[in-house]
Amino acid sequence: MKVPTGELISCRQIRAARALIGWTQLDLGHALGVDERQIRFWERRLPTNKTKRLTLIDAFKAAGVEFISAPTIGVRGISNA
């Protein structure tokens, strides 16, 4: 089954997305309204709750980051224009 572009599929993508925009775990926590400890947990174990995953995706998209799955799994910057 092919995962569509824009779908968060790995914990590494969360860390890579943060690095791309220069956010700390605390910064991401503030953007999501959650504690920094929750971000650390999510970076070790991807949320199984789809709503939480979509919240992460939306926060990064608003900051100019897109999750990609093809041809390789990763993240990339997008234009918000």
PDB file of N, CA and C in Angstrom:
ATOM      1  N   MET A   1       0.843  -1.185   0.000  1.00  0.00           N
ATOM      2  CA  MET A   1       0.000   0.000   0.000  1.00  0.00           C
ATOM      3  C   MET A   1       0.882   1.240   0.000  1.00  0.00           C
ATOM      4  N   LYS A   2       0.665   2.118  -0.936  1.00  0.00           N
ATOM      5  CA  LYS A   2       1.457   3.340  -1.044  1.00  0.00           C
ATOM      6  C   LYS A   2       0.914   4.403  -0.095  1.00  0.00           C
ATOM      7  N   VAL A   3       1.816   5.043   0.626  1.00  0.00           N
ATOM      8  CA  VAL A   3       1.435   6.112   1.551  1.00  0.00           C
ATOM      9  C   VAL A   3       1.459   7.422   0.782  1.00  0.00           C
ATOM     10  N   PRO A   4       0.388   8.205   0.824  1.00  0.00           N
ATOM     11  CA  PRO A   4       0.351   9.454   0.060  1.00  0.00           C
ATOM     12  C   PRO A   4       1.276  10.516   0.641  1.00  0.00           C
ATOM     13  N   THR A   5       1.770  11.393  -0.227  1.00  0.00           N
ATOM     14  CA  THR A   5       2.559  12.528   0.230  1.00  0.00           C
ATOM     15  C   THR A   5       1.713  13.331   1.210  1.00  0.00           C
ATOM     16  N   GLY A   6       2.346  13.804   2.267  1.00  0.00           N
ATOM     17  CA  GLY A   6       1.635  14.564   3.282  1.00  0.00           C
ATOM     18  C   GLY A   6       1.284  13.735   4.498  1.00  0.00           C
ATOM     19  N   GLU A   7       1.528  12.432   4.451  1.00  0.00           N
ATOM     20  CA  GLU A   7       1.199  11.549   5.568  1.00  0.00           C
ATOM     21  C   GLU A   7       2.436  11.337   6.442  1.00  0.00           C
ATOM     22  N   LEU A   8       2.308  11.564   7.720  1.00  0.00           N
ATOM     23  CA  LEU A   8       3.373  11.337   8.688  1.00  0.00           C
ATOM     24  C   LEU A   8       3.476   9.847   8.944  1.00  0.00           C
ATOM     25  N   ILE A   9       4.641   9.255   8.619  1.00  0.00           N
ATOM     26  CA  ILE A   9       4.752   7.807   8.754  1.00  0.00           C
ATOM     27  C   ILE A   9       5.918   7.346   9.622  1.00  0.00           C
ATOM     28  N   SER A  10       6.738   8.277  10.128  1.00  0.00           N
ATOM     29  CA  SER A  10       7.838   7.844  10.988  1.00  0.00           C
ATOM     30  C   SER A  10       8.183   8.907  12.039  1.00  0.00           C
ATOM     31  N   CYS A  11       8.732   8.422  13.144  1.00  0.00           N
ATOM     32  CA  CYS A  11       9.195   9.321  14.208  1.00  0.00           C
ATOM     33  C   CYS A  11      10.347  10.192  13.717  1.00  0.00           C
ATOM     34  N   ARG A  12      11.173   9.635  12.857  1.00  0.00           N
ATOM     35  CA  ARG A  12      12.303  10.397  12.314  1.00  0.00           C
ATOM     36  C   ARG A  12      11.830  11.619  11.534  1.00  0.00           C
ATOM     37  N   GLN A  13      10.678  11.503  10.910  1.00  0.00           N
ATOM     38  CA  GLN A  13      10.144  12.644  10.169  1.00  0.00           C
ATOM     39  C   GLN A  13       9.811  13.808  11.103  1.00  0.00           C
ATOM     40  N   ILE A  14       9.347  13.522  12.297  1.00  0.00           N
ATOM     41  CA  ILE A  14       9.058  14.595  13.251  1.00  0.00           C
ATOM     42  C   ILE A  14      10.347  15.336  13.586  1.00  0.00           C
ATOM     43  N   ARG A  15      11.399  14.586  13.893  1.00  0.00           N
ATOM     44  CA  ARG A  15      12.693  15.210  14.212  1.00  0.00           C
ATOM     45  C   ARG A  15      13.248  15.974  13.019  1.00  0.00           C
ATOM     46  N   ALA A  16      13.127  15.397  11.827  1.00  0.00           N
ATOM     47  CA  ALA A  16      13.637  16.053  10.621  1.00  0.00           C
ATOM     48  C   ALA A  16      12.857  17.337  10.329  1.00  0.00           C
ATOM     49  N   ALA A  17      11.554  17.291  10.519  1.00  0.00           N
ATOM     50  CA  ALA A  17      10.728  18.473  10.281  1.00  0.00           C
ATOM     51  C   ALA A  17      11.101  19.595  11.250  1.00  0.00           C
ATOM     52  N   ARG A  18      11.310  19.238  12.507  1.00  0.00           N
ATOM     53  CA  ARG A  18      11.725  20.250  13.490  1.00  0.00           C
ATOM     54  C   ARG A  18      13.054  20.868  13.092  1.00  0.00           C
ATOM     55  N   ALA A  19      13.996  20.015  12.683  1.00  0.00           N
ATOM     56  CA  ALA A  19      15.321  20.506  12.293  1.00  0.00           C
ATOM     57  C   ALA A  19      15.238  21.423  11.077  1.00  0.00           C
ATOM     58  N   LEU A  20      14.378  21.084  10.140  1.00  0.00           N
ATOM     59  CA  LEU A  20      14.237  21.868   8.915  1.00  0.00           C
ATOM     60  C   LEU A  20      13.834  23.307   9.209  1.00  0.00           C
ATOM     61  N   ILE A  21      12.969  23.493  10.204  1.00  0.00           N
ATOM     62  CA  ILE A  21      12.508  24.847  10.520  1.00  0.00           C
ATOM     63  C   ILE A  21      13.142  25.424  11.789  1.00  0.00           C
ATOM     64  N   GLY A  22      14.075  24.678  12.372  1.00  0.00           N
ATOM     65  CA  GLY A  22      14.806  25.185  13.529  1.00  0.00           C
ATOM     66  C   GLY A  22      14.011  25.202  14.826  1.00  0.00           C
ATOM     67  N   TRP A  23      13.024  24.329  14.947  1.00  0.00           N
ATOM     68  CA  TRP A  23      12.218  24.253  16.159  1.00  0.00           C
ATOM     69  C   TRP A  23      12.819  23.271  17.150  1.00  0.00           C
ATOM     70  N   THR A  24      12.727  23.620  18.417  1.00  0.00           N
ATOM     71  CA  THR A  24      13.066  22.689  19.491  1.00  0.00           C
ATOM     72  C   THR A  24      11.817  21.876  19.818  1.00  0.00           C
ATOM     73  N   GLN A  25      11.973  20.886  20.677  1.00  0.00           N
ATOM     74  CA  GLN A  25      10.802  20.146  21.150  1.00  0.00           C
ATOM     75  C   GLN A  25       9.851  21.081  21.888  1.00  0.00           C
ATOM     76  N   LEU A  26      10.415  22.028  22.612  1.00  0.00           N
ATOM     77  CA  LEU A  26       9.594  23.000  23.334  1.00  0.00           C
ATOM     78  C   LEU A  26       8.801  23.861  22.356  1.00  0.00           C
ATOM     79  N   ASP A  27       9.441  24.309  21.266  1.00  0.00           N
ATOM     80  CA  ASP A  27       8.750  25.111  20.253  1.00  0.00           C
ATOM     81  C   ASP A  27       7.569  24.350  19.659  1.00  0.00           C
ATOM     82  N   LEU A  28       7.796  23.080  19.319  1.00  0.00           N
ATOM     83  CA  LEU A  28       6.719  22.272  18.752  1.00  0.00           C
ATOM     84  C   LEU A  28       5.614  22.067  19.770  1.00  0.00           C
ATOM     85  N   GLY A  29       5.995  21.835  21.009  1.00  0.00           N
ATOM     86  CA  GLY A  29       4.998  21.698  22.064  1.00  0.00           C
ATOM     87  C   GLY A  29       4.117  22.935  22.187  1.00  0.00           C
ATOM     88  N   HIS A  30       4.745  24.111  22.123  1.00  0.00           N
ATOM     89  CA  HIS A  30       3.974  25.356  22.191  1.00  0.00           C
ATOM     90  C   HIS A  30       3.037  25.482  20.993  1.00  0.00           C
ATOM     91  N   ALA A  31       3.522  25.122  19.809  1.00  0.00           N
ATOM     92  CA  ALA A  31       2.700  25.211  18.599  1.00  0.00           C
ATOM     93  C   ALA A  31       1.480  24.294  18.678  1.00  0.00           C
ATOM     94  N   LEU A  32       1.633  23.171  19.378  1.00  0.00           N
ATOM     95  CA  LEU A  32       0.550  22.194  19.473  1.00  0.00           C
ATOM     96  C   LEU A  32      -0.265  22.314  20.759  1.00  0.00           C
ATOM     97  N   GLY A  33       0.246  23.096  21.703  1.00  0.00           N
ATOM     98  CA  GLY A  33      -0.444  23.213  22.982  1.00  0.00           C
ATOM     99  C   GLY A  33      -0.271  21.998  23.867  1.00  0.00           C
ATOM    100  N   VAL A  34       0.884  21.329  23.718  1.00  0.00           N
ATOM    101  CA  VAL A  34       1.177  20.162  24.554  1.00  0.00           C
ATOM    102  C   VAL A  34       2.521  20.357  25.238  1.00  0.00           C
ATOM    103  N   ASP A  35       2.773  19.558  26.247  1.00  0.00           N
ATOM    104  CA  ASP A  35       4.019  19.618  26.985  1.00  0.00           C
ATOM    105  C   ASP A  35       5.176  19.055  26.153  1.00  0.00           C
ATOM    106  N   GLU A  36       6.359  19.582  26.385  1.00  0.00           N
ATOM    107  CA  GLU A  36       7.570  19.117  25.707  1.00  0.00           C
ATOM    108  C   GLU A  36       7.775  17.607  25.887  1.00  0.00           C
ATOM    109  N   ARG A  37       7.377  17.077  27.034  1.00  0.00           N
ATOM    110  CA  ARG A  37       7.507  15.632  27.274  1.00  0.00           C
ATOM    111  C   ARG A  37       6.686  14.826  26.279  1.00  0.00           C
ATOM    112  N   GLN A  38       5.531  15.365  25.892  1.00  0.00           N
ATOM    113  CA  GLN A  38       4.696  14.676  24.906  1.00  0.00           C
ATOM    114  C   GLN A  38       5.406  14.614  23.557  1.00  0.00           C
ATOM    115  N   ILE A  39       6.101  15.670  23.197  1.00  0.00           N
ATOM    116  CA  ILE A  39       6.857  15.687  21.933  1.00  0.00           C
ATOM    117  C   ILE A  39       7.969  14.652  21.983  1.00  0.00           C
ATOM    118  N   ARG A  40       8.697  14.597  23.093  1.00  0.00           N
ATOM    119  CA  ARG A  40       9.754  13.579  23.231  1.00  0.00           C
ATOM    120  C   ARG A  40       9.180  12.177  23.060  1.00  0.00           C
ATOM    121  N   PHE A  41       8.017  11.942  23.653  1.00  0.00           N
ATOM    122  CA  PHE A  41       7.366  10.634  23.529  1.00  0.00           C
ATOM    123  C   PHE A  41       7.012  10.354  22.073  1.00  0.00           C
ATOM    124  N   TRP A  42       6.416  11.323  21.387  1.00  0.00           N
ATOM    125  CA  TRP A  42       6.029  11.134  19.989  1.00  0.00           C
ATOM    126  C   TRP A  42       7.235  10.914  19.087  1.00  0.00           C
ATOM    127  N   GLU A  43       8.374  11.475  19.454  1.00  0.00           N
ATOM    128  CA  GLU A  43       9.572  11.271  18.635  1.00  0.00           C
ATOM    129  C   GLU A  43      10.184   9.888  18.861  1.00  0.00           C
ATOM    130  N   ARG A  44       9.738   9.204  19.877  1.00  0.00           N
ATOM    131  CA  ARG A  44      10.162   7.817  20.112  1.00  0.00           C
ATOM    132  C   ARG A  44       9.109   6.816  19.648  1.00  0.00           C
ATOM    133  N   ARG A  45       7.859   7.237  19.716  1.00  0.00           N
ATOM    134  CA  ARG A  45       6.752   6.352  19.342  1.00  0.00           C
ATOM    135  C   ARG A  45       5.663   7.194  18.679  1.00  0.00           C
ATOM    136  N   LEU A  46       5.507   7.000  17.398  1.00  0.00           N
ATOM    137  CA  LEU A  46       4.549   7.770  16.609  1.00  0.00           C
ATOM    138  C   LEU A  46       3.139   7.623  17.180  1.00  0.00           C
ATOM    139  N   PRO A  47       2.404   8.730  17.303  1.00  0.00           N
ATOM    140  CA  PRO A  47       1.039   8.625  17.821  1.00  0.00           C
ATOM    141  C   PRO A  47       0.191   7.684  16.959  1.00  0.00           C
ATOM    142  N   THR A  48      -0.537   6.789  17.607  1.00  0.00           N
ATOM    143  CA  THR A  48      -1.423   5.894  16.867  1.00  0.00           C
ATOM    144  C   THR A  48      -2.768   6.559  16.613  1.00  0.00           C
ATOM    145  N   ASN A  49      -3.070   7.583  17.379  1.00  0.00           N
ATOM    146  CA  ASN A  49      -4.309   8.316  17.218  1.00  0.00           C
ATOM    147  C   ASN A  49      -4.217   9.198  15.969  1.00  0.00           C
ATOM    148  N   LYS A  50      -5.104   8.966  15.014  1.00  0.00           N
ATOM    149  CA  LYS A  50      -5.040   9.698  13.747  1.00  0.00           C
ATOM    150  C   LYS A  50      -5.212  11.201  13.953  1.00  0.00           C
ATOM    151  N   THR A  51      -6.050  11.609  14.880  1.00  0.00           N
ATOM    152  CA  THR A  51      -6.257  13.030  15.143  1.00  0.00           C
ATOM    153  C   THR A  51      -4.963  13.696  15.598  1.00  0.00           C
ATOM    154  N   LYS A  52      -4.209  13.021  16.451  1.00  0.00           N
ATOM    155  CA  LYS A  52      -2.924  13.576  16.913  1.00  0.00           C
ATOM    156  C   LYS A  52      -1.932  13.669  15.767  1.00  0.00           C
ATOM    157  N   ARG A  53      -1.887  12.645  14.918  1.00  0.00           N
ATOM    158  CA  ARG A  53      -0.986  12.689  13.752  1.00  0.00           C
ATOM    159  C   ARG A  53      -1.364  13.838  12.824  1.00  0.00           C
ATOM    160  N   LEU A  54      -2.664  14.011  12.591  1.00  0.00           N
ATOM    161  CA  LEU A  54      -3.106  15.098  11.715  1.00  0.00           C
ATOM    162  C   LEU A  54      -2.796  16.457  12.318  1.00  0.00           C
ATOM    163  N   THR A  55      -2.882  16.573  13.640  1.00  0.00           N
ATOM    164  CA  THR A  55      -2.525  17.824  14.313  1.00  0.00           C
ATOM    165  C   THR A  55      -1.048  18.141  14.100  1.00  0.00           C
ATOM    166  N   LEU A  56      -0.199  17.130  14.217  1.00  0.00           N
ATOM    167  CA  LEU A  56       1.234  17.321  13.946  1.00  0.00           C
ATOM    168  C   LEU A  56       1.458  17.760  12.503  1.00  0.00           C
ATOM    169  N   ILE A  57       0.830  17.067  11.572  1.00  0.00           N
ATOM    170  CA  ILE A  57       0.978  17.390  10.151  1.00  0.00           C
ATOM    171  C   ILE A  57       0.538  18.829   9.886  1.00  0.00           C
ATOM    172  N   ASP A  58      -0.601  19.219  10.430  1.00  0.00           N
ATOM    173  CA  ASP A  58      -1.120  20.572  10.215  1.00  0.00           C
ATOM    174  C   ASP A  58      -0.194  21.640  10.784  1.00  0.00           C
ATOM    175  N   ALA A  59       0.375  21.386  11.965  1.00  0.00           N
ATOM    176  CA  ALA A  59       1.284  22.357  12.575  1.00  0.00           C
ATOM    177  C   ALA A  59       2.525  22.547  11.711  1.00  0.00           C
ATOM    178  N   PHE A  60       3.068  21.454  11.215  1.00  0.00           N
ATOM    179  CA  PHE A  60       4.255  21.570  10.367  1.00  0.00           C
ATOM    180  C   PHE A  60       3.910  22.185   9.010  1.00  0.00           C
ATOM    181  N   LYS A  61       2.752  21.847   8.476  1.00  0.00           N
ATOM    182  CA  LYS A  61       2.349  22.430   7.190  1.00  0.00           C
ATOM    183  C   LYS A  61       2.217  23.951   7.324  1.00  0.00           C
ATOM    184  N   ALA A  62       1.640  24.407   8.430  1.00  0.00           N
ATOM    185  CA  ALA A  62       1.504  25.842   8.676  1.00  0.00           C
ATOM    186  C   ALA A  62       2.872  26.520   8.785  1.00  0.00           C
ATOM    187  N   ALA A  63       3.874  25.750   9.218  1.00  0.00           N
ATOM    188  CA  ALA A  63       5.234  26.285   9.349  1.00  0.00           C
ATOM    189  C   ALA A  63       6.047  26.101   8.067  1.00  0.00           C
ATOM    190  N   GLY A  64       5.423  25.507   7.033  1.00  0.00           N
ATOM    191  CA  GLY A  64       6.106  25.371   5.753  1.00  0.00           C
ATOM    192  C   GLY A  64       6.805  24.049   5.520  1.00  0.00           C
ATOM    193  N   VAL A  65       6.355  22.990   6.179  1.00  0.00           N
ATOM    194  CA  VAL A  65       6.981  21.673   6.036  1.00  0.00           C
ATOM    195  C   VAL A  65       5.945  20.674   5.522  1.00  0.00           C
ATOM    196  N   GLU A  66       6.378  19.842   4.577  1.00  0.00           N
ATOM    197  CA  GLU A  66       5.523  18.780   4.051  1.00  0.00           C
ATOM    198  C   GLU A  66       6.214  17.443   4.271  1.00  0.00           C
ATOM    199  N   PHE A  67       5.439  16.450   4.662  1.00  0.00           N
ATOM    200  CA  PHE A  67       5.957  15.091   4.811  1.00  0.00           C
ATOM    201  C   PHE A  67       5.847  14.388   3.468  1.00  0.00           C
ATOM    202  N   ILE A  68       6.894  13.653   3.100  1.00  0.00           N
ATOM    203  CA  ILE A  68       6.892  12.940   1.825  1.00  0.00           C
ATOM    204  C   ILE A  68       7.150  11.455   2.053  1.00  0.00           C
ATOM    205  N   SER A  69       6.657  10.662   1.116  1.00  0.00           N
ATOM    206  CA  SER A  69       6.830   9.216   1.233  1.00  0.00           C
ATOM    207  C   SER A  69       7.397   8.593  -0.033  1.00  0.00           C
ATOM    208  N   ALA A  70       7.475   9.353  -1.100  1.00  0.00           N
ATOM    209  CA  ALA A  70       8.000   8.802  -2.352  1.00  0.00           C
ATOM    210  C   ALA A  70       8.821   9.873  -3.050  1.00  0.00           C
ATOM    211  N   PRO A  71       9.947   9.590  -3.596  1.00  0.00           N
ATOM    212  CA  PRO A  71      10.525   8.260  -3.727  1.00  0.00           C
ATOM    213  C   PRO A  71      11.164   7.745  -2.435  1.00  0.00           C
ATOM    214  N   THR A  72      11.409   8.631  -1.473  1.00  0.00           N
ATOM    215  CA  THR A  72      11.925   8.203  -0.169  1.00  0.00           C
ATOM    216  C   THR A  72      11.116   8.881   0.925  1.00  0.00           C
ATOM    217  N   ILE A  73      11.186   8.336   2.125  1.00  0.00           N
ATOM    218  CA  ILE A  73      10.492   8.921   3.268  1.00  0.00           C
ATOM    219  C   ILE A  73      11.305  10.104   3.770  1.00  0.00           C
ATOM    220  N   GLY A  74      10.645  11.229   4.012  1.00  0.00           N
ATOM    221  CA  GLY A  74      11.354  12.398   4.513  1.00  0.00           C
ATOM    222  C   GLY A  74      10.441  13.584   4.695  1.00  0.00           C
ATOM    223  N   VAL A  75      11.051  14.785   4.666  1.00  0.00           N
ATOM    224  CA  VAL A  75      10.330  16.042   4.769  1.00  0.00           C
ATOM    225  C   VAL A  75      10.940  17.013   3.761  1.00  0.00           C
ATOM    226  N   ARG A  76      10.151  18.042   3.404  1.00  0.00           N
ATOM    227  CA  ARG A  76      10.684  19.096   2.544  1.00  0.00           C
ATOM    228  C   ARG A  76       9.960  20.392   2.850  1.00  0.00           C
ATOM    229  N   GLY A  77      10.645  21.467   2.555  1.00  0.00           N
ATOM    230  CA  GLY A  77      10.036  22.777   2.750  1.00  0.00           C
ATOM    231  C   GLY A  77       9.070  23.067   1.619  1.00  0.00           C
ATOM    232  N   ILE A  78       7.993  23.750   1.963  1.00  0.00           N
ATOM    233  CA  ILE A  78       7.012  24.151   0.958  1.00  0.00           C
ATOM    234  C   ILE A  78       6.784  25.648   1.051  1.00  0.00           C
ATOM    235  N   SER A  79       6.321  26.216  -0.017  1.00  0.00           N
ATOM    236  CA  SER A  79       6.015  27.644  -0.044  1.00  0.00           C
ATOM    237  C   SER A  79       4.624  27.856   0.496  1.00  0.00           C
ATOM    238  N   ASN A  80       4.479  28.814   1.389  1.00  0.00           N
ATOM    239  CA  ASN A  80       3.165  29.141   1.945  1.00  0.00           C
ATOM    240  C   ASN A  80       2.500  30.276   1.169  1.00  0.00           C
ATOM    241  N   ALA A  81       3.075  30.624   0.040  1.00  0.00           N
ATOM    242  CA  ALA A  81       2.540  31.745  -0.751  1.00  0.00           C
ATOM    243  C   ALA A  81       1.309  31.350  -1.522  1.00  0.00           C
TER     244      ALA A  81
END
